[in-house]
Protein backbone atom coordinates (compact mmCIF):
# COMPACT_ATOMS: atom_id res chain seq x y z
CA UNK A 1 3.69 38.14 11.69
CA UNK A 2 4.78 37.36 15.66
CA UNK A 3 7.52 34.89 16.29
CA UNK A 4 6.36 31.15 17.48
CA UNK A 5 8.58 29.50 19.94
CA UNK A 6 11.17 27.02 18.63
CA UNK A 7 11.02 24.02 19.86
CA UNK A 8 14.35 24.43 21.91
CA UNK A 9 13.04 27.16 23.51
CA UNK A 10 10.01 24.98 24.53
CA UNK A 11 12.41 22.17 26.03
CA UNK A 12 14.47 24.71 27.66
CA UNK A 13 11.12 26.40 29.42
CA UNK A 14 9.94 23.25 30.62
CA UNK A 15 13.18 22.13 31.67
CA UNK A 16 13.29 25.09 34.14
CA UNK A 17 9.95 24.26 35.36
CA UNK A 18 11.30 20.61 36.05
CA UNK A 19 14.16 22.11 38.03
CA UNK A 20 12.41 24.36 40.04
CA UNK A 21 9.63 21.40 40.47
CA UNK A 22 12.49 19.25 42.42
CA UNK A 23 13.85 22.20 44.06
CA UNK A 24 10.38 22.81 45.30
CA UNK A 25 8.34 20.01 45.94
CA UNK A 26 10.97 18.47 48.72
CA UNK A 27 10.50 21.85 50.59
CA UNK A 28 6.54 21.92 50.11
CA UNK A 29 6.41 18.35 51.77
CA UNK A 30 8.87 19.20 54.72
CA UNK A 31 6.63 22.87 54.80
CA UNK A 32 4.09 19.97 55.55
CA UNK A 33 5.20 17.57 57.72
CA UNK A 34 6.38 20.59 59.90
CA UNK A 35 2.83 21.72 59.89
CA UNK A 36 1.45 18.06 61.33
CA UNK A 37 4.34 18.34 63.83
CA UNK A 38 2.96 21.37 65.37
CA UNK A 39 -0.62 20.08 64.94
CA UNK A 40 0.67 17.09 67.20
CA UNK A 41 2.63 19.62 69.53
CA UNK A 42 -1.07 21.39 70.10
CA UNK A 43 -2.54 17.94 70.94
CA UNK A 44 -0.13 17.06 73.52
CA UNK A 45 -0.10 20.44 75.36
CA UNK A 46 -3.65 20.22 74.94
CA UNK A 47 -3.72 16.87 76.45
CA UNK A 48 -1.92 17.96 79.21
CA UNK A 49 -4.14 21.17 80.15
CA UNK A 50 -6.91 17.66 80.49
CA UNK A 51 -4.13 15.90 82.69
CA UNK A 52 -3.85 18.99 84.89
CA UNK A 53 -7.65 19.62 85.57
CA UNK A 54 -8.17 15.68 85.95
CA UNK A 55 -5.10 16.71 88.91
CA UNK A 56 -7.09 19.30 90.51
CA UNK A 57 -10.63 17.31 90.45
CA UNK A 58 -8.82 14.28 92.09
CA UNK A 59 -6.71 15.43 94.75
CA UNK A 60 -3.41 15.90 92.07
CA UNK A 61 -3.87 12.39 91.49
CA UNK A 62 -3.73 10.57 88.12
CA UNK A 63 -5.75 7.64 87.24
CA UNK A 64 -4.40 4.81 89.02
CA UNK A 65 -4.32 0.79 89.10
CA UNK A 66 -2.33 -1.76 86.74
CA UNK A 67 -3.92 -2.84 83.32
CA UNK A 68 -6.64 -0.22 83.87
CA UNK A 69 -5.15 3.32 84.10
CA UNK A 70 -2.91 2.55 81.52
CA UNK A 71 -5.52 1.82 79.04
CA UNK A 72 -8.37 4.26 80.03
CA UNK A 73 -6.43 7.30 80.86
CA UNK A 74 -7.56 9.45 78.01
CA UNK A 75 -11.16 8.61 78.68
CA UNK A 76 -11.19 9.92 81.80
CA UNK A 77 -9.08 13.00 81.08
CA UNK A 78 -11.22 13.85 77.68
CA UNK A 79 -14.00 15.67 79.56
CA UNK A 80 -11.96 18.16 80.41
CA UNK A 81 -11.06 19.68 76.93
CA UNK A 82 -14.29 18.26 75.19
CA UNK A 83 -12.75 16.01 73.36
CA UNK A 84 -12.66 12.28 72.80
CA UNK A 85 -10.68 9.46 71.48
CA UNK A 86 -12.67 8.34 68.52
CA UNK A 87 -14.67 5.37 67.96
CA UNK A 88 -13.41 3.28 65.19
CA UNK A 89 -16.12 4.28 62.69
CA UNK A 90 -15.38 7.64 63.30
CA UNK A 91 -13.10 10.35 62.13
CA UNK A 92 -9.27 10.38 63.76
CA UNK A 93 -9.10 14.31 63.90
CA UNK A 94 -8.73 15.14 67.41
CA UNK A 95 -6.78 16.27 70.48
CA UNK A 96 -6.06 12.22 70.93
CA UNK A 97 -4.71 11.16 67.41
CA UNK A 98 -1.47 12.67 66.08
CA UNK A 99 -1.37 13.71 62.38
CA UNK A 100 2.21 12.59 62.23
CA UNK A 101 0.51 8.98 63.44
CA UNK A 102 1.88 6.02 60.78
CA UNK A 103 -0.09 3.34 59.32
CA UNK A 104 -3.64 2.91 60.23
CA UNK A 105 -4.05 0.59 63.02
CA UNK A 106 -6.35 1.40 66.23
CA UNK A 107 -6.11 0.64 69.70
CA UNK A 108 -7.88 -2.12 71.33
CA UNK A 109 -9.97 -2.95 74.33
CA UNK A 110 -10.75 -6.47 75.41
CA UNK A 111 -11.19 -9.09 77.44
CA UNK A 112 -10.59 -7.53 81.10
CA UNK A 113 -10.27 -3.85 79.87
CA UNK A 114 -13.31 -4.43 77.47
CA UNK A 115 -15.42 -5.57 80.54
CA UNK A 116 -13.45 -2.79 82.71
CA UNK A 117 -14.94 -0.07 79.79
CA UNK A 118 -18.33 -1.27 79.74
CA UNK A 119 -19.08 -1.67 84.09
CA UNK A 120 -17.81 2.29 84.07
CA UNK A 121 -20.34 3.04 81.62
CA UNK A 122 -17.57 4.84 79.24
CA UNK A 123 -19.45 3.34 76.40
CA UNK A 124 -22.53 5.37 76.95
CA UNK A 125 -21.20 8.15 78.12
CA UNK A 126 -18.68 8.56 74.97
CA UNK A 127 -20.90 6.28 72.19
CA UNK A 128 -18.56 3.90 71.43
CA UNK A 129 -19.42 0.72 69.68
CA UNK A 130 -19.72 -2.51 71.49
CA UNK A 131 -20.22 -5.19 68.89
CA UNK A 132 -16.86 -4.76 67.73
CA UNK A 133 -13.51 -7.06 67.85
CA UNK A 134 -9.86 -7.46 67.96
CA UNK A 135 -7.57 -9.26 65.38
CA UNK A 136 -7.91 -12.46 67.61
CA UNK A 137 -11.55 -12.18 67.46
CA UNK A 138 -12.39 -10.99 71.03
CA UNK A 139 -14.97 -8.51 71.77
CA UNK A 140 -13.43 -4.88 71.71
CA UNK A 141 -13.53 -1.26 72.32
CA UNK A 142 -12.28 -0.29 69.16
CA UNK A 143 -10.69 3.41 69.02
CA UNK A 144 -8.33 6.07 67.09
CA UNK A 145 -5.73 7.26 70.22
CA UNK A 146 -1.88 7.93 69.08
CA UNK A 147 0.10 9.03 72.56
CA UNK A 148 0.98 6.66 75.43
CA UNK A 149 1.05 7.38 78.79
CA UNK A 150 4.18 6.79 80.94
CA UNK A 151 3.30 3.44 83.08
CA UNK A 152 5.44 4.26 86.06
CA UNK A 153 3.05 7.64 86.61
CA UNK A 154 0.30 5.59 86.76
CA UNK A 155 1.30 2.26 88.55
CA UNK A 156 4.41 3.61 91.15
CA UNK A 157 3.78 7.49 91.56
CA UNK A 158 0.37 8.58 90.63
CA UNK A 159 0.46 11.62 93.01
CA UNK A 160 2.03 14.70 91.68
CA UNK A 161 3.19 15.67 94.90
CA UNK A 162 5.58 13.00 94.52
CA UNK A 163 7.68 14.57 91.60
CA UNK A 164 10.88 16.11 92.75
CA UNK A 165 11.72 17.31 89.19
CA UNK A 166 8.08 17.19 87.20
CA UNK A 167 9.69 19.74 84.44
CA UNK A 168 12.18 16.88 83.37
CA UNK A 169 9.62 13.70 83.76
CA UNK A 170 8.03 12.12 81.14
CA UNK A 171 4.08 12.22 81.30
CA UNK A 172 2.44 11.56 77.53
CA UNK A 173 4.57 10.61 74.48
CA UNK A 174 3.70 9.54 71.01
CA UNK A 175 3.46 6.00 70.62
CA UNK A 176 1.86 2.54 69.09
CA UNK A 177 0.37 1.78 72.43
CA UNK A 178 -2.01 3.95 74.98
CA UNK A 179 1.31 2.92 77.57
CA UNK A 180 4.96 2.95 77.54
CA UNK A 181 7.82 2.48 79.78
CA UNK A 182 11.96 2.34 78.51
CA UNK A 183 11.91 -1.52 77.40
CA UNK A 184 9.21 -0.30 75.82
CA UNK A 185 10.29 2.18 73.28
CA UNK A 186 10.03 0.24 70.12
CA UNK A 187 6.59 1.36 70.15
CA UNK A 188 7.80 4.75 69.83
CA UNK A 189 7.04 7.20 66.62
CA UNK A 190 10.24 7.65 64.18
CA UNK A 191 11.36 3.64 64.05
CA UNK A 192 11.74 3.10 60.55
CA UNK A 193 12.98 -0.50 60.80
CA UNK A 194 11.21 -3.46 61.20
CA UNK A 195 11.65 -5.05 64.65
CA UNK A 196 9.22 -8.64 64.54
CA UNK A 197 12.13 -10.86 63.74
CA UNK A 198 9.67 -12.81 62.11
CA UNK A 199 6.82 -12.65 64.98
CA UNK A 200 3.19 -11.94 65.60
CA UNK A 201 2.37 -8.19 65.01
CA UNK A 202 2.01 -6.79 68.10
CA UNK A 203 2.41 -3.09 69.30
CA UNK A 204 6.53 -3.00 69.34
CA UNK A 205 7.26 -4.95 66.00
CA UNK A 206 5.25 -2.89 64.08
CA UNK A 207 7.67 -0.64 61.33
CA UNK A 208 6.77 3.22 62.83
CA UNK A 209 7.96 5.44 60.53
CA UNK A 210 5.83 8.78 62.04
CA UNK A 211 7.15 11.39 64.11
CA UNK A 212 9.10 13.92 62.76
CA UNK A 213 12.67 14.38 61.93
CA UNK A 214 14.17 11.15 63.32
CA UNK A 215 12.03 12.53 66.84
CA UNK A 216 8.40 12.89 68.58
CA UNK A 217 6.56 15.08 71.02
CA UNK A 218 6.87 14.48 74.63
CA UNK A 219 4.62 16.11 77.83
CA UNK A 220 6.17 16.53 80.87
CA UNK A 221 4.65 15.96 84.38
CA UNK A 222 4.86 20.02 84.81
CA UNK A 223 2.59 20.32 81.78
CA UNK A 224 4.95 22.20 79.36
CA UNK A 225 5.77 19.84 76.15
CA UNK A 226 8.48 19.90 73.32
CA UNK A 227 9.61 18.18 70.53
CA UNK A 228 12.79 16.07 70.87
CA UNK A 229 15.05 14.01 68.66
CA UNK A 230 15.78 10.12 69.64
CA UNK A 231 19.03 9.65 70.68
CA UNK A 232 20.82 6.24 70.60
CA UNK A 233 23.78 5.38 72.05
CA UNK A 234 25.63 2.75 69.98
CA UNK A 235 26.68 4.83 66.57
CA UNK A 236 28.01 1.19 65.40
CA UNK A 237 25.35 -0.71 65.51
CA UNK A 238 23.36 -1.13 62.47
CA UNK A 239 19.86 0.81 62.30
CA UNK A 240 17.85 -2.12 63.06
CA UNK A 241 20.10 -2.91 66.28
CA UNK A 242 19.96 0.69 66.94
CA UNK A 243 15.86 1.01 66.58
CA UNK A 244 14.96 -2.15 68.11
CA UNK A 245 17.08 -2.71 71.04
CA UNK A 246 15.41 -0.56 73.69
CA UNK A 247 18.69 -0.65 76.28
CA UNK A 248 20.55 1.67 73.35
CA UNK A 249 17.98 3.98 73.56
CA UNK A 250 19.68 7.30 75.74
CA UNK A 251 16.81 9.61 74.86
CA UNK A 252 13.91 8.65 76.03
CA UNK A 253 16.03 6.57 78.27
CA UNK A 254 15.87 2.33 77.73
CA UNK A 255 15.80 0.69 80.53
CA UNK A 256 13.90 -2.85 81.60
CA UNK A 257 10.54 -1.55 83.00
CA UNK A 258 8.74 -2.98 85.33
CA UNK A 259 8.90 -1.65 88.72
CA UNK A 260 11.83 0.30 89.06
CA UNK A 261 12.54 0.53 92.80
CA UNK A 262 12.31 -3.56 92.57
CA UNK A 263 15.52 -4.93 91.77
CA UNK A 264 15.79 -7.63 89.72
CA UNK A 265 17.98 -10.41 87.94
CA UNK A 266 17.80 -9.29 84.10
CA UNK A 267 20.92 -7.55 84.41
CA UNK A 268 18.99 -4.83 82.40
CA UNK A 269 19.45 -1.10 83.79
CA UNK A 270 16.13 0.00 85.44
CA UNK A 271 13.50 2.99 84.54
CA UNK A 272 15.07 6.13 86.16
CA UNK A 273 15.48 9.75 85.58
CA UNK A 274 12.84 10.99 83.36
CA UNK A 275 10.02 8.05 83.96
CA UNK A 276 10.64 8.52 87.89
CA UNK A 277 9.43 10.61 90.38
CA UNK A 278 12.17 10.82 92.63
CA UNK A 279 15.70 12.96 91.54
CA UNK A 280 17.69 10.09 90.34
CA UNK A 281 20.04 9.07 87.48
CA UNK A 282 22.11 6.48 86.20
CA UNK A 283 25.95 5.30 87.60
CA UNK A 284 28.26 4.04 85.63
CA UNK A 285 27.32 0.89 86.59
CA UNK A 286 23.81 1.20 85.16
CA UNK A 287 22.25 1.66 88.52
CA UNK A 288 19.67 4.36 89.42
CA UNK A 289 21.60 6.86 92.38
CA UNK A 290 20.19 10.02 93.68
CA UNK A 291 21.42 13.28 92.35
């Protein structure tokens, strides 16, 4: 007669399986997160290809214009990679939406941005719905996109030939809005704290998480892309102070935003280095100087 397992033997087997599961499940989760980041890095490289093809057809120029180019750039580049930001009612799985993106919040183009979109016929070209609204109830184009353009590259230096160090200048970042600059780093993925301070929801206050292992993917003006961790200067600050104060960021460098060439009295260092076309850097006094 075959001997049956005793209760103790069964419990030992169950305990071993539980221990193995506890060890392996986090490994599987990490592998899944790493795979998602590889996909996002591939996406941003494809976007870089589209950007450089657009350069070739437009005399080495990015789309240019305040409150226009920074919101529509992805639609202008889309034909070069035969993909487009998906309409809100469609699937998010395309080059313009990162699998590491947090939450489930789309982009909205309303008011003059909606009008610009319609006037250019982009709603017809990309088959976008025109009957949707933003959270304020304004008529809006609503779509999925999780990559942000360096605002300086469409406002101050749209021409590729302007860049002295294109391999070190940021072009596209992973963030919750379609554009970003030095005083908007709360939009970056991988921030795990709520920076709203009780204010109404906006791109900068949403607790983001997302990203991968405390960092995200970056596309540079020369077309190469890589993953980098975010670094913050004051190690004695609390987590909320670190992630919610853009001036503490070392990479990407936090700055005051706006025109990097116009002085102001804010006392906050200007955007330079990886944000701007000149070969410049911050000096000991927090001013941009030539390298």
